[in-house]
mmCIF file of all heavy atoms, coordinates in Angstrom:
data_MODEL
# 
_entry.id   MODEL 
# 
loop_
_atom_site.group_PDB 
_atom_site.id 
_atom_site.type_symbol 
_atom_site.label_atom_id 
_atom_site.label_alt_id 
_atom_site.label_comp_id 
_atom_site.label_asym_id 
_atom_site.label_entity_id 
_atom_site.label_seq_id 
_atom_site.pdbx_PDB_ins_code 
_atom_site.Cartn_x 
_atom_site.Cartn_y 
_atom_site.Cartn_z 
_atom_site.occupancy 
_atom_site.B_iso_or_equiv 
_atom_site.pdbx_formal_charge 
_atom_site.auth_seq_id 
_atom_site.auth_comp_id 
_atom_site.auth_asym_id 
_atom_site.auth_atom_id 
_atom_site.pdbx_PDB_model_num 
ATOM 1   N N   . ASN A 1 1  ? 0.816  -1.228 0.000  1.00 0.00 ? 1  ASN A N   1 
ATOM 2   C CA  . ASN A 1 1  ? 0.000  0.000  0.000  1.00 0.00 ? 1  ASN A CA  1 
ATOM 3   C C   . ASN A 1 1  ? 0.842  1.267  0.000  1.00 0.00 ? 1  ASN A C   1 
ATOM 4   O O   . ASN A 1 1  ? 0.310  2.365  -0.176 1.00 0.00 ? 1  ASN A O   1 
ATOM 5   C CB  . ASN A 1 1  ? -0.943 0.001  1.204  1.00 0.00 ? 1  ASN A CB  1 
ATOM 6   C CG  . ASN A 1 1  ? -1.901 -1.170 1.177  1.00 0.00 ? 1  ASN A CG  1 
ATOM 7   O OD1 . ASN A 1 1  ? -2.283 -1.651 0.111  1.00 0.00 ? 1  ASN A OD1 1 
ATOM 8   N ND2 . ASN A 1 1  ? -2.299 -1.659 2.348  1.00 0.00 ? 1  ASN A ND2 1 
ATOM 9   N N   . ARG A 1 2  ? 2.141  1.111  0.239  1.00 0.00 ? 2  ARG A N   1 
ATOM 10  C CA  . ARG A 1 2  ? 3.116  2.211  0.216  1.00 0.00 ? 2  ARG A CA  1 
ATOM 11  C C   . ARG A 1 2  ? 2.729  3.355  1.156  1.00 0.00 ? 2  ARG A C   1 
ATOM 12  O O   . ARG A 1 2  ? 2.844  4.529  0.821  1.00 0.00 ? 2  ARG A O   1 
ATOM 13  C CB  . ARG A 1 2  ? 3.299  2.718  -1.226 1.00 0.00 ? 2  ARG A CB  1 
ATOM 14  C CG  . ARG A 1 2  ? 3.996  1.719  -2.127 1.00 0.00 ? 2  ARG A CG  1 
ATOM 15  C CD  . ARG A 1 2  ? 4.257  2.267  -3.520 1.00 0.00 ? 2  ARG A CD  1 
ATOM 16  N NE  . ARG A 1 2  ? 5.139  1.406  -4.276 1.00 0.00 ? 2  ARG A NE  1 
ATOM 17  C CZ  . ARG A 1 2  ? 4.752  0.351  -4.994 1.00 0.00 ? 2  ARG A CZ  1 
ATOM 18  N NH1 . ARG A 1 2  ? 3.471  0.030  -5.037 1.00 0.00 ? 2  ARG A NH1 1 
ATOM 19  N NH2 . ARG A 1 2  ? 5.624  -0.383 -5.647 1.00 0.00 ? 2  ARG A NH2 1 
ATOM 20  N N   . LEU A 1 3  ? 2.276  2.984  2.329  1.00 0.00 ? 3  LEU A N   1 
ATOM 21  C CA  . LEU A 1 3  ? 1.947  3.989  3.337  1.00 0.00 ? 3  LEU A CA  1 
ATOM 22  C C   . LEU A 1 3  ? 3.200  4.385  4.108  1.00 0.00 ? 3  LEU A C   1 
ATOM 23  O O   . LEU A 1 3  ? 4.165  3.624  4.215  1.00 0.00 ? 3  LEU A O   1 
ATOM 24  C CB  . LEU A 1 3  ? 0.904  3.439  4.310  1.00 0.00 ? 3  LEU A CB  1 
ATOM 25  C CG  . LEU A 1 3  ? -0.456 3.028  3.728  1.00 0.00 ? 3  LEU A CG  1 
ATOM 26  C CD1 . LEU A 1 3  ? -1.405 2.628  4.859  1.00 0.00 ? 3  LEU A CD1 1 
ATOM 27  C CD2 . LEU A 1 3  ? -1.068 4.138  2.887  1.00 0.00 ? 3  LEU A CD2 1 
ATOM 28  N N   . SER A 1 4  ? 3.175  5.581  4.667  1.00 0.00 ? 4  SER A N   1 
ATOM 29  C CA  . SER A 1 4  ? 4.263  6.039  5.530  1.00 0.00 ? 4  SER A CA  1 
ATOM 30  C C   . SER A 1 4  ? 4.078  5.451  6.925  1.00 0.00 ? 4  SER A C   1 
ATOM 31  O O   . SER A 1 4  ? 2.998  4.953  7.280  1.00 0.00 ? 4  SER A O   1 
ATOM 32  C CB  . SER A 1 4  ? 4.261  7.560  5.616  1.00 0.00 ? 4  SER A CB  1 
ATOM 33  O OG  . SER A 1 4  ? 3.097  8.012  6.305  1.00 0.00 ? 4  SER A OG  1 
ATOM 34  N N   . THR A 1 5  ? 5.145  5.512  7.719  1.00 0.00 ? 5  THR A N   1 
ATOM 35  C CA  . THR A 1 5  ? 5.035  5.023  9.093  1.00 0.00 ? 5  THR A CA  1 
ATOM 36  C C   . THR A 1 5  ? 3.973  5.815  9.859  1.00 0.00 ? 5  THR A C   1 
ATOM 37  O O   . THR A 1 5  ? 3.230  5.243  10.665 1.00 0.00 ? 5  THR A O   1 
ATOM 38  C CB  . THR A 1 5  ? 6.387  5.126  9.815  1.00 0.00 ? 5  THR A CB  1 
ATOM 39  O OG1 . THR A 1 5  ? 6.910  6.451  9.667  1.00 0.00 ? 5  THR A OG1 1 
ATOM 40  C CG2 . THR A 1 5  ? 7.379  4.128  9.254  1.00 0.00 ? 5  THR A CG2 1 
ATOM 41  N N   . GLU A 1 6  ? 3.887  7.116  9.587  1.00 0.00 ? 6  GLU A N   1 
ATOM 42  C CA  . GLU A 1 6  ? 2.882  7.937  10.281 1.00 0.00 ? 6  GLU A CA  1 
ATOM 43  C C   . GLU A 1 6  ? 1.468  7.481  9.944  1.00 0.00 ? 6  GLU A C   1 
ATOM 44  O O   . GLU A 1 6  ? 0.590  7.412  10.819 1.00 0.00 ? 6  GLU A O   1 
ATOM 45  C CB  . GLU A 1 6  ? 3.058  9.416  9.905  1.00 0.00 ? 6  GLU A CB  1 
ATOM 46  C CG  . GLU A 1 6  ? 4.308  10.084 10.461 1.00 0.00 ? 6  GLU A CG  1 
ATOM 47  C CD  . GLU A 1 6  ? 5.559  9.753  9.649  1.00 0.00 ? 6  GLU A CD  1 
ATOM 48  O OE1 . GLU A 1 6  ? 5.430  9.124  8.567  1.00 0.00 ? 6  GLU A OE1 1 
ATOM 49  O OE2 . GLU A 1 6  ? 6.666  10.113 10.110 1.00 0.00 ? 6  GLU A OE2 1 
ATOM 50  N N   . GLU A 1 7  ? 1.235  7.152  8.679  1.00 0.00 ? 7  GLU A N   1 
ATOM 51  C CA  . GLU A 1 7  ? -0.098 6.686  8.269  1.00 0.00 ? 7  GLU A CA  1 
ATOM 52  C C   . GLU A 1 7  ? -0.428 5.335  8.891  1.00 0.00 ? 7  GLU A C   1 
ATOM 53  O O   . GLU A 1 7  ? -1.578 5.068  9.277  1.00 0.00 ? 7  GLU A O   1 
ATOM 54  C CB  . GLU A 1 7  ? -0.172 6.601  6.743  1.00 0.00 ? 7  GLU A CB  1 
ATOM 55  C CG  . GLU A 1 7  ? -0.178 7.961  6.054  1.00 0.00 ? 7  GLU A CG  1 
ATOM 56  C CD  . GLU A 1 7  ? -0.009 7.838  4.555  1.00 0.00 ? 7  GLU A CD  1 
ATOM 57  O OE1 . GLU A 1 7  ? 0.869  7.079  4.095  1.00 0.00 ? 7  GLU A OE1 1 
ATOM 58  O OE2 . GLU A 1 7  ? -0.764 8.521  3.820  1.00 0.00 ? 7  GLU A OE2 1 
ATOM 59  N N   . ILE A 1 8  ? 0.573  4.476  9.011  1.00 0.00 ? 8  ILE A N   1 
ATOM 60  C CA  . ILE A 1 8  ? 0.337  3.159  9.616  1.00 0.00 ? 8  ILE A CA  1 
ATOM 61  C C   . ILE A 1 8  ? 0.069  3.301  11.107 1.00 0.00 ? 8  ILE A C   1 
ATOM 62  O O   . ILE A 1 8  ? -0.848 2.672  11.650 1.00 0.00 ? 8  ILE A O   1 
ATOM 63  C CB  . ILE A 1 8  ? 1.540  2.237  9.354  1.00 0.00 ? 8  ILE A CB  1 
ATOM 64  C CG1 . ILE A 1 8  ? 1.704  1.997  7.850  1.00 0.00 ? 8  ILE A CG1 1 
ATOM 65  C CG2 . ILE A 1 8  ? 1.358  0.902  10.075 1.00 0.00 ? 8  ILE A CG2 1 
ATOM 66  C CD1 . ILE A 1 8  ? 2.984  1.292  7.477  1.00 0.00 ? 8  ILE A CD1 1 
ATOM 67  N N   . ILE A 1 9  ? 0.845  4.125  11.770 1.00 0.00 ? 9  ILE A N   1 
ATOM 68  C CA  . ILE A 1 9  ? 0.634  4.345  13.206 1.00 0.00 ? 9  ILE A CA  1 
ATOM 69  C C   . ILE A 1 9  ? -0.763 4.888  13.462 1.00 0.00 ? 9  ILE A C   1 
ATOM 70  O O   . ILE A 1 9  ? -1.439 4.503  14.431 1.00 0.00 ? 9  ILE A O   1 
ATOM 71  C CB  . ILE A 1 9  ? 1.714  5.301  13.757 1.00 0.00 ? 9  ILE A CB  1 
ATOM 72  C CG1 . ILE A 1 9  ? 3.084  4.599  13.761 1.00 0.00 ? 9  ILE A CG1 1 
ATOM 73  C CG2 . ILE A 1 9  ? 1.359  5.794  15.153 1.00 0.00 ? 9  ILE A CG2 1 
ATOM 74  C CD1 . ILE A 1 9  ? 4.259  5.522  13.968 1.00 0.00 ? 9  ILE A CD1 1 
ATOM 75  N N   . ALA A 1 10 ? -1.247 5.752  12.576 1.00 0.00 ? 10 ALA A N   1 
ATOM 76  C CA  . ALA A 1 10 ? -2.581 6.334  12.735 1.00 0.00 ? 10 ALA A CA  1 
ATOM 77  C C   . ALA A 1 10 ? -3.685 5.280  12.625 1.00 0.00 ? 10 ALA A C   1 
ATOM 78  O O   . ALA A 1 10 ? -4.789 5.474  13.150 1.00 0.00 ? 10 ALA A O   1 
ATOM 79  C CB  . ALA A 1 10 ? -2.806 7.429  11.699 1.00 0.00 ? 10 ALA A CB  1 
ATOM 80  N N   . LYS A 1 11 ? -3.403 4.150  11.972 1.00 0.00 ? 11 LYS A N   1 
ATOM 81  C CA  . LYS A 1 11 ? -4.398 3.085  11.858 1.00 0.00 ? 11 LYS A CA  1 
ATOM 82  C C   . LYS A 1 11 ? -4.553 2.296  13.153 1.00 0.00 ? 11 LYS A C   1 
ATOM 83  O O   . LYS A 1 11 ? -5.529 1.551  13.330 1.00 0.00 ? 11 LYS A O   1 
ATOM 84  C CB  . LYS A 1 11 ? -4.036 2.144  10.700 1.00 0.00 ? 11 LYS A CB  1 
ATOM 85  C CG  . LYS A 1 11 ? -4.087 2.841  9.339  1.00 0.00 ? 11 LYS A CG  1 
ATOM 86  C CD  . LYS A 1 11 ? -3.602 1.947  8.216  1.00 0.00 ? 11 LYS A CD  1 
ATOM 87  C CE  . LYS A 1 11 ? -4.597 0.882  7.845  1.00 0.00 ? 11 LYS A CE  1 
ATOM 88  N NZ  . LYS A 1 11 ? -4.210 0.200  6.574  1.00 0.00 ? 11 LYS A NZ  1 
ATOM 89  N N   . ALA A 1 12 ? -3.559 2.411  14.052 1.00 0.00 ? 12 ALA A N   1 
ATOM 90  C CA  . ALA A 1 12 ? -3.667 1.951  15.447 1.00 0.00 ? 12 ALA A CA  1 
ATOM 91  C C   . ALA A 1 12 ? -3.794 0.439  15.622 1.00 0.00 ? 12 ALA A C   1 
ATOM 92  O O   . ALA A 1 12 ? -4.284 -0.027 16.636 1.00 0.00 ? 12 ALA A O   1 
ATOM 93  C CB  . ALA A 1 12 ? -4.833 2.648  16.140 1.00 0.00 ? 12 ALA A CB  1 
ATOM 94  N N   . TYR A 1 13 ? -3.323 -0.350 14.663 1.00 0.00 ? 13 TYR A N   1 
ATOM 95  C CA  . TYR A 1 13 ? -3.333 -1.797 14.881 1.00 0.00 ? 13 TYR A CA  1 
ATOM 96  C C   . TYR A 1 13 ? -1.991 -2.298 15.405 1.00 0.00 ? 13 TYR A C   1 
ATOM 97  O O   . TYR A 1 13 ? -1.838 -3.467 15.756 1.00 0.00 ? 13 TYR A O   1 
ATOM 98  C CB  . TYR A 1 13 ? -3.721 -2.554 13.611 1.00 0.00 ? 13 TYR A CB  1 
ATOM 99  C CG  . TYR A 1 13 ? -2.782 -2.393 12.444 1.00 0.00 ? 13 TYR A CG  1 
ATOM 100 C CD1 . TYR A 1 13 ? -1.549 -3.031 12.411 1.00 0.00 ? 13 TYR A CD1 1 
ATOM 101 C CD2 . TYR A 1 13 ? -3.122 -1.602 11.353 1.00 0.00 ? 13 TYR A CD2 1 
ATOM 102 C CE1 . TYR A 1 13 ? -0.678 -2.889 11.347 1.00 0.00 ? 13 TYR A CE1 1 
ATOM 103 C CE2 . TYR A 1 13 ? -2.259 -1.448 10.274 1.00 0.00 ? 13 TYR A CE2 1 
ATOM 104 C CZ  . TYR A 1 13 ? -1.049 -2.098 10.270 1.00 0.00 ? 13 TYR A CZ  1 
ATOM 105 O OH  . TYR A 1 13 ? -0.187 -1.952 9.221  1.00 0.00 ? 13 TYR A OH  1 
ATOM 106 N N   . ALA A 1 14 ? -0.972 -1.409 15.404 1.00 0.00 ? 14 ALA A N   1 
ATOM 107 C CA  . ALA A 1 14 ? 0.359  -1.791 15.872 1.00 0.00 ? 14 ALA A CA  1 
ATOM 108 C C   . ALA A 1 14 ? 0.934  -0.647 16.695 1.00 0.00 ? 14 ALA A C   1 
ATOM 109 O O   . ALA A 1 14 ? 0.580  0.518  16.504 1.00 0.00 ? 14 ALA A O   1 
ATOM 110 C CB  . ALA A 1 14 ? 1.266  -2.089 14.686 1.00 0.00 ? 14 ALA A CB  1 
ATOM 111 N N   . ASN A 1 15 ? 1.835  -1.000 17.617 1.00 0.00 ? 15 ASN A N   1 
ATOM 112 C CA  . ASN A 1 15 ? 2.439  0.075  18.407 1.00 0.00 ? 15 ASN A CA  1 
ATOM 113 C C   . ASN A 1 15 ? 3.518  0.793  17.593 1.00 0.00 ? 15 ASN A C   1 
ATOM 114 O O   . ASN A 1 15 ? 4.039  0.267  16.603 1.00 0.00 ? 15 ASN A O   1 
ATOM 115 C CB  . ASN A 1 15 ? 2.976  -0.446 19.744 1.00 0.00 ? 15 ASN A CB  1 
ATOM 116 C CG  . ASN A 1 15 ? 4.155  -1.390 19.586 1.00 0.00 ? 15 ASN A CG  1 
ATOM 117 O OD1 . ASN A 1 15 ? 5.151  -1.070 18.937 1.00 0.00 ? 15 ASN A OD1 1 
ATOM 118 N ND2 . ASN A 1 15 ? 4.051  -2.568 20.198 1.00 0.00 ? 15 ASN A ND2 1 
ATOM 119 N N   . THR A 1 16 ? 3.830  1.986  18.021 1.00 0.00 ? 16 THR A N   1 
ATOM 120 C CA  . THR A 1 16 ? 4.753  2.852  17.281 1.00 0.00 ? 16 THR A CA  1 
ATOM 121 C C   . THR A 1 16 ? 6.124  2.202  17.094 1.00 0.00 ? 16 THR A C   1 
ATOM 122 O O   . THR A 1 16 ? 6.722  2.251  16.015 1.00 0.00 ? 16 THR A O   1 
ATOM 123 C CB  . THR A 1 16 ? 4.900  4.196  18.003 1.00 0.00 ? 16 THR A CB  1 
ATOM 124 O OG1 . THR A 1 16 ? 3.627  4.830  18.074 1.00 0.00 ? 16 THR A OG1 1 
ATOM 125 C CG2 . THR A 1 16 ? 5.873  5.110  17.285 1.00 0.00 ? 16 THR A CG2 1 
ATOM 126 N N   . ASP A 1 17 ? 6.627  1.555  18.160 1.00 0.00 ? 17 ASP A N   1 
ATOM 127 C CA  . ASP A 1 17 ? 7.950  0.939  18.082 1.00 0.00 ? 17 ASP A CA  1 
ATOM 128 C C   . ASP A 1 17 ? 7.996  -0.156 17.031 1.00 0.00 ? 17 ASP A C   1 
ATOM 129 O O   . ASP A 1 17 ? 8.975  -0.270 16.271 1.00 0.00 ? 17 ASP A O   1 
ATOM 130 C CB  . ASP A 1 17 ? 8.354  0.374  19.453 1.00 0.00 ? 17 ASP A CB  1 
ATOM 131 C CG  . ASP A 1 17 ? 8.670  1.461  20.465 1.00 0.00 ? 17 ASP A CG  1 
ATOM 132 O OD1 . ASP A 1 17 ? 8.879  2.622  20.043 1.00 0.00 ? 17 ASP A OD1 1 
ATOM 133 O OD2 . ASP A 1 17 ? 8.706  1.150  21.663 1.00 0.00 ? 17 ASP A OD2 1 
ATOM 134 N N   . ASP A 1 18 ? 6.950  -0.983 16.979 1.00 0.00 ? 18 ASP A N   1 
ATOM 135 C CA  . ASP A 1 18 ? 6.929  -2.065 15.995 1.00 0.00 ? 18 ASP A CA  1 
ATOM 136 C C   . ASP A 1 18 ? 6.905  -1.521 14.568 1.00 0.00 ? 18 ASP A C   1 
ATOM 137 O O   . ASP A 1 18 ? 7.577  -2.040 13.678 1.00 0.00 ? 18 ASP A O   1 
ATOM 138 C CB  . ASP A 1 18 ? 5.708  -2.970 16.218 1.00 0.00 ? 18 ASP A CB  1 
ATOM 139 C CG  . ASP A 1 18 ? 5.905  -3.951 17.357 1.00 0.00 ? 18 ASP A CG  1 
ATOM 140 O OD1 . ASP A 1 18 ? 7.049  -4.081 17.831 1.00 0.00 ? 18 ASP A OD1 1 
ATOM 141 O OD2 . ASP A 1 18 ? 4.912  -4.574 17.787 1.00 0.00 ? 18 ASP A OD2 1 
ATOM 142 N N   . VAL A 1 19 ? 6.126  -0.465 14.349 1.00 0.00 ? 19 VAL A N   1 
ATOM 143 C CA  . VAL A 1 19 ? 6.040  0.115  13.010 1.00 0.00 ? 19 VAL A CA  1 
ATOM 144 C C   . VAL A 1 19 ? 7.404  0.652  12.579 1.00 0.00 ? 19 VAL A C   1 
ATOM 145 O O   . VAL A 1 19 ? 7.873  0.376  11.460 1.00 0.00 ? 19 VAL A O   1 
ATOM 146 C CB  . VAL A 1 19 ? 4.977  1.225  12.957 1.00 0.00 ? 19 VAL A CB  1 
ATOM 147 C CG1 . VAL A 1 19 ? 4.999  1.927  11.592 1.00 0.00 ? 19 VAL A CG1 1 
ATOM 148 C CG2 . VAL A 1 19 ? 3.586  0.656  13.233 1.00 0.00 ? 19 VAL A CG2 1 
ATOM 149 N N   . HIS A 1 20 ? 8.040  1.406  13.446 1.00 0.00 ? 20 HIS A N   1 
ATOM 150 C CA  . HIS A 1 20 ? 9.353  1.970  13.097 1.00 0.00 ? 20 HIS A CA  1 
ATOM 151 C C   . HIS A 1 20 ? 10.406 0.873  12.932 1.00 0.00 ? 20 HIS A C   1 
ATOM 152 O O   . HIS A 1 20 ? 11.282 0.961  12.062 1.00 0.00 ? 20 HIS A O   1 
ATOM 153 C CB  . HIS A 1 20 ? 9.789  2.975  14.155 1.00 0.00 ? 20 HIS A CB  1 
ATOM 154 C CG  . HIS A 1 20 ? 9.075  4.291  14.076 1.00 0.00 ? 20 HIS A CG  1 
ATOM 155 N ND1 . HIS A 1 20 ? 9.063  5.059  12.931 1.00 0.00 ? 20 HIS A ND1 1 
ATOM 156 C CD2 . HIS A 1 20 ? 8.330  4.960  15.000 1.00 0.00 ? 20 HIS A CD2 1 
ATOM 157 C CE1 . HIS A 1 20 ? 8.349  6.160  13.147 1.00 0.00 ? 20 HIS A CE1 1 
ATOM 158 N NE2 . HIS A 1 20 ? 7.890  6.120  14.389 1.00 0.00 ? 20 HIS A NE2 1 
ATOM 159 N N   . LYS A 1 21 ? 10.308 -0.185 13.739 1.00 0.00 ? 21 LYS A N   1 
ATOM 160 C CA  . LYS A 1 21 ? 11.273 -1.280 13.635 1.00 0.00 ? 21 LYS A CA  1 
ATOM 161 C C   . LYS A 1 21 ? 11.151 -1.980 12.290 1.00 0.00 ? 21 LYS A C   1 
ATOM 162 O O   . LYS A 1 21 ? 12.165 -2.223 11.610 1.00 0.00 ? 21 LYS A O   1 
ATOM 163 C CB  . LYS A 1 21 ? 11.055 -2.286 14.766 1.00 0.00 ? 21 LYS A CB  1 
ATOM 164 C CG  . LYS A 1 21 ? 12.030 -3.456 14.723 1.00 0.00 ? 21 LYS A CG  1 
ATOM 165 C CD  . LYS A 1 21 ? 11.877 -4.356 15.941 1.00 0.00 ? 21 LYS A CD  1 
ATOM 166 C CE  . LYS A 1 21 ? 12.951 -5.438 15.939 1.00 0.00 ? 21 LYS A CE  1 
ATOM 167 N NZ  . LYS A 1 21 ? 12.917 -6.271 17.162 1.00 0.00 ? 21 LYS A NZ  1 
ATOM 168 N N   . VAL A 1 22 ? 9.932  -2.311 11.894 1.00 0.00 ? 22 VAL A N   1 
ATOM 169 C CA  . VAL A 1 22 ? 9.739  -3.006 10.621 1.00 0.00 ? 22 VAL A CA  1 
ATOM 170 C C   . VAL A 1 22 ? 10.167 -2.116 9.454  1.00 0.00 ? 22 VAL A C   1 
ATOM 171 O O   . VAL A 1 22 ? 10.810 -2.571 8.504  1.00 0.00 ? 22 VAL A O   1 
ATOM 172 C CB  . VAL A 1 22 ? 8.276  -3.463 10.458 1.00 0.00 ? 22 VAL A CB  1 
ATOM 173 C CG1 . VAL A 1 22 ? 8.049  -4.059 9.073  1.00 0.00 ? 22 VAL A CG1 1 
ATOM 174 C CG2 . VAL A 1 22 ? 7.920  -4.486 11.539 1.00 0.00 ? 22 VAL A CG2 1 
ATOM 175 N N   . ALA A 1 23 ? 9.827  -0.824 9.529  1.00 0.00 ? 23 ALA A N   1 
ATOM 176 C CA  . ALA A 1 23 ? 10.215 0.104  8.462  1.00 0.00 ? 23 ALA A CA  1 
ATOM 177 C C   . ALA A 1 23 ? 11.737 0.198  8.357  1.00 0.00 ? 23 ALA A C   1 
ATOM 178 O O   . ALA A 1 23 ? 12.305 0.231  7.251  1.00 0.00 ? 23 ALA A O   1 
ATOM 179 C CB  . ALA A 1 23 ? 9.613  1.477  8.709  1.00 0.00 ? 23 ALA A CB  1 
ATOM 180 N N   . HIS A 1 24 ? 12.401 0.225  9.504  1.00 0.00 ? 24 HIS A N   1 
ATOM 181 C CA  . HIS A 1 24 ? 13.867 0.287  9.513  1.00 0.00 ? 24 HIS A CA  1 
ATOM 182 C C   . HIS A 1 24 ? 14.465 -0.983 8.920  1.00 0.00 ? 24 HIS A C   1 
ATOM 183 O O   . HIS A 1 24 ? 15.385 -0.928 8.078  1.00 0.00 ? 24 HIS A O   1 
ATOM 184 C CB  . HIS A 1 24 ? 14.351 0.481  10.950 1.00 0.00 ? 24 HIS A CB  1 
ATOM 185 C CG  . HIS A 1 24 ? 15.846 0.452  11.100 1.00 0.00 ? 24 HIS A CG  1 
ATOM 186 N ND1 . HIS A 1 24 ? 16.664 1.438  10.606 1.00 0.00 ? 24 HIS A ND1 1 
ATOM 187 C CD2 . HIS A 1 24 ? 16.671 -0.476 11.685 1.00 0.00 ? 24 HIS A CD2 1 
ATOM 188 C CE1 . HIS A 1 24 ? 17.930 1.145  10.863 1.00 0.00 ? 24 HIS A CE1 1 
ATOM 189 N NE2 . HIS A 1 24 ? 17.956 -0.013 11.520 1.00 0.00 ? 24 HIS A NE2 1 
ATOM 190 N N   . LEU A 1 25 ? 13.937 -2.129 9.325  1.00 0.00 ? 25 LEU A N   1 
ATOM 191 C CA  . LEU A 1 25 ? 14.442 -3.396 8.794  1.00 0.00 ? 25 LEU A CA  1 
ATOM 192 C C   . LEU A 1 25 ? 14.197 -3.513 7.289  1.00 0.00 ? 25 LEU A C   1 
ATOM 193 O O   . LEU A 1 25 ? 15.046 -4.015 6.542  1.00 0.00 ? 25 LEU A O   1 
ATOM 194 C CB  . LEU A 1 25 ? 13.788 -4.566 9.533  1.00 0.00 ? 25 LEU A CB  1 
ATOM 195 C CG  . LEU A 1 25 ? 14.194 -4.741 11.002 1.00 0.00 ? 25 LEU A CG  1 
ATOM 196 C CD1 . LEU A 1 25 ? 13.322 -5.801 11.671 1.00 0.00 ? 25 LEU A CD1 1 
ATOM 197 C CD2 . LEU A 1 25 ? 15.671 -5.102 11.127 1.00 0.00 ? 25 LEU A CD2 1 
ATOM 198 N N   . LEU A 1 26 ? 13.038 -3.061 6.853  1.00 0.00 ? 26 LEU A N   1 
ATOM 199 C CA  . LEU A 1 26 ? 12.735 -3.066 5.418  1.00 0.00 ? 26 LEU A CA  1 
ATOM 200 C C   . LEU A 1 26 ? 13.779 -2.272 4.644  1.00 0.00 ? 26 LEU A C   1 
ATOM 201 O O   . LEU A 1 26 ? 14.286 -2.717 3.604  1.00 0.00 ? 26 LEU A O   1 
ATOM 202 C CB  . LEU A 1 26 ? 11.343 -2.486 5.190  1.00 0.00 ? 26 LEU A CB  1 
ATOM 203 C CG  . LEU A 1 26 ? 10.925 -2.218 3.743  1.00 0.00 ? 26 LEU A CG  1 
ATOM 204 C CD1 . LEU A 1 26 ? 10.791 -3.528 2.970  1.00 0.00 ? 26 LEU A CD1 1 
ATOM 205 C CD2 . LEU A 1 26 ? 9.609  -1.430 3.687  1.00 0.00 ? 26 LEU A CD2 1 
ATOM 206 N N   . LYS A 1 27 ? 14.105 -1.115 5.152  1.00 0.00 ? 27 LYS A N   1 
ATOM 207 C CA  . LYS A 1 27 ? 15.028 -0.224 4.444  1.00 0.00 ? 27 LYS A CA  1 
ATOM 208 C C   . LYS A 1 27 ? 16.454 -0.764 4.417  1.00 0.00 ? 27 LYS A C   1 
ATOM 209 O O   . LYS A 1 27 ? 17.101 -0.785 3.361  1.00 0.00 ? 27 LYS A O   1 
ATOM 210 C CB  . LYS A 1 27 ? 14.994 1.154  5.113  1.00 0.00 ? 27 LYS A CB  1 
ATOM 211 C CG  . LYS A 1 27 ? 15.949 2.155  4.489  1.00 0.00 ? 27 LYS A CG  1 
ATOM 212 C CD  . LYS A 1 27 ? 15.910 3.452  5.257  1.00 0.00 ? 27 LYS A CD  1 
ATOM 213 C CE  . LYS A 1 27 ? 17.058 4.352  4.848  1.00 0.00 ? 27 LYS A CE  1 
ATOM 214 N NZ  . LYS A 1 27 ? 17.112 5.586  5.653  1.00 0.00 ? 27 LYS A NZ  1 
ATOM 215 N N   . ILE A 1 28 ? 16.948 -1.254 5.542  1.00 0.00 ? 28 ILE A N   1 
ATOM 216 C CA  . ILE A 1 28 ? 18.368 -1.609 5.612  1.00 0.00 ? 28 ILE A CA  1 
ATOM 217 C C   . ILE A 1 28 ? 18.667 -2.958 4.969  1.00 0.00 ? 28 ILE A C   1 
ATOM 218 O O   . ILE A 1 28 ? 19.844 -3.303 4.789  1.00 0.00 ? 28 ILE A O   1 
ATOM 219 C CB  . ILE A 1 28 ? 18.889 -1.602 7.067  1.00 0.00 ? 28 ILE A CB  1 
ATOM 220 C CG1 . ILE A 1 28 ? 18.206 -2.700 7.896  1.00 0.00 ? 28 ILE A CG1 1 
ATOM 221 C CG2 . ILE A 1 28 ? 18.707 -0.224 7.686  1.00 0.00 ? 28 ILE A CG2 1 
ATOM 222 C CD1 . ILE A 1 28 ? 18.839 -2.885 9.273  1.00 0.00 ? 28 ILE A CD1 1 
# 
């Protein structure tokens, strides 16, 4: 869906740390 971390966090199904962790792992 190519959403940003902010958009995913706003959907509230995952905690902020998990969203940022997965996004970081995806990138690196």
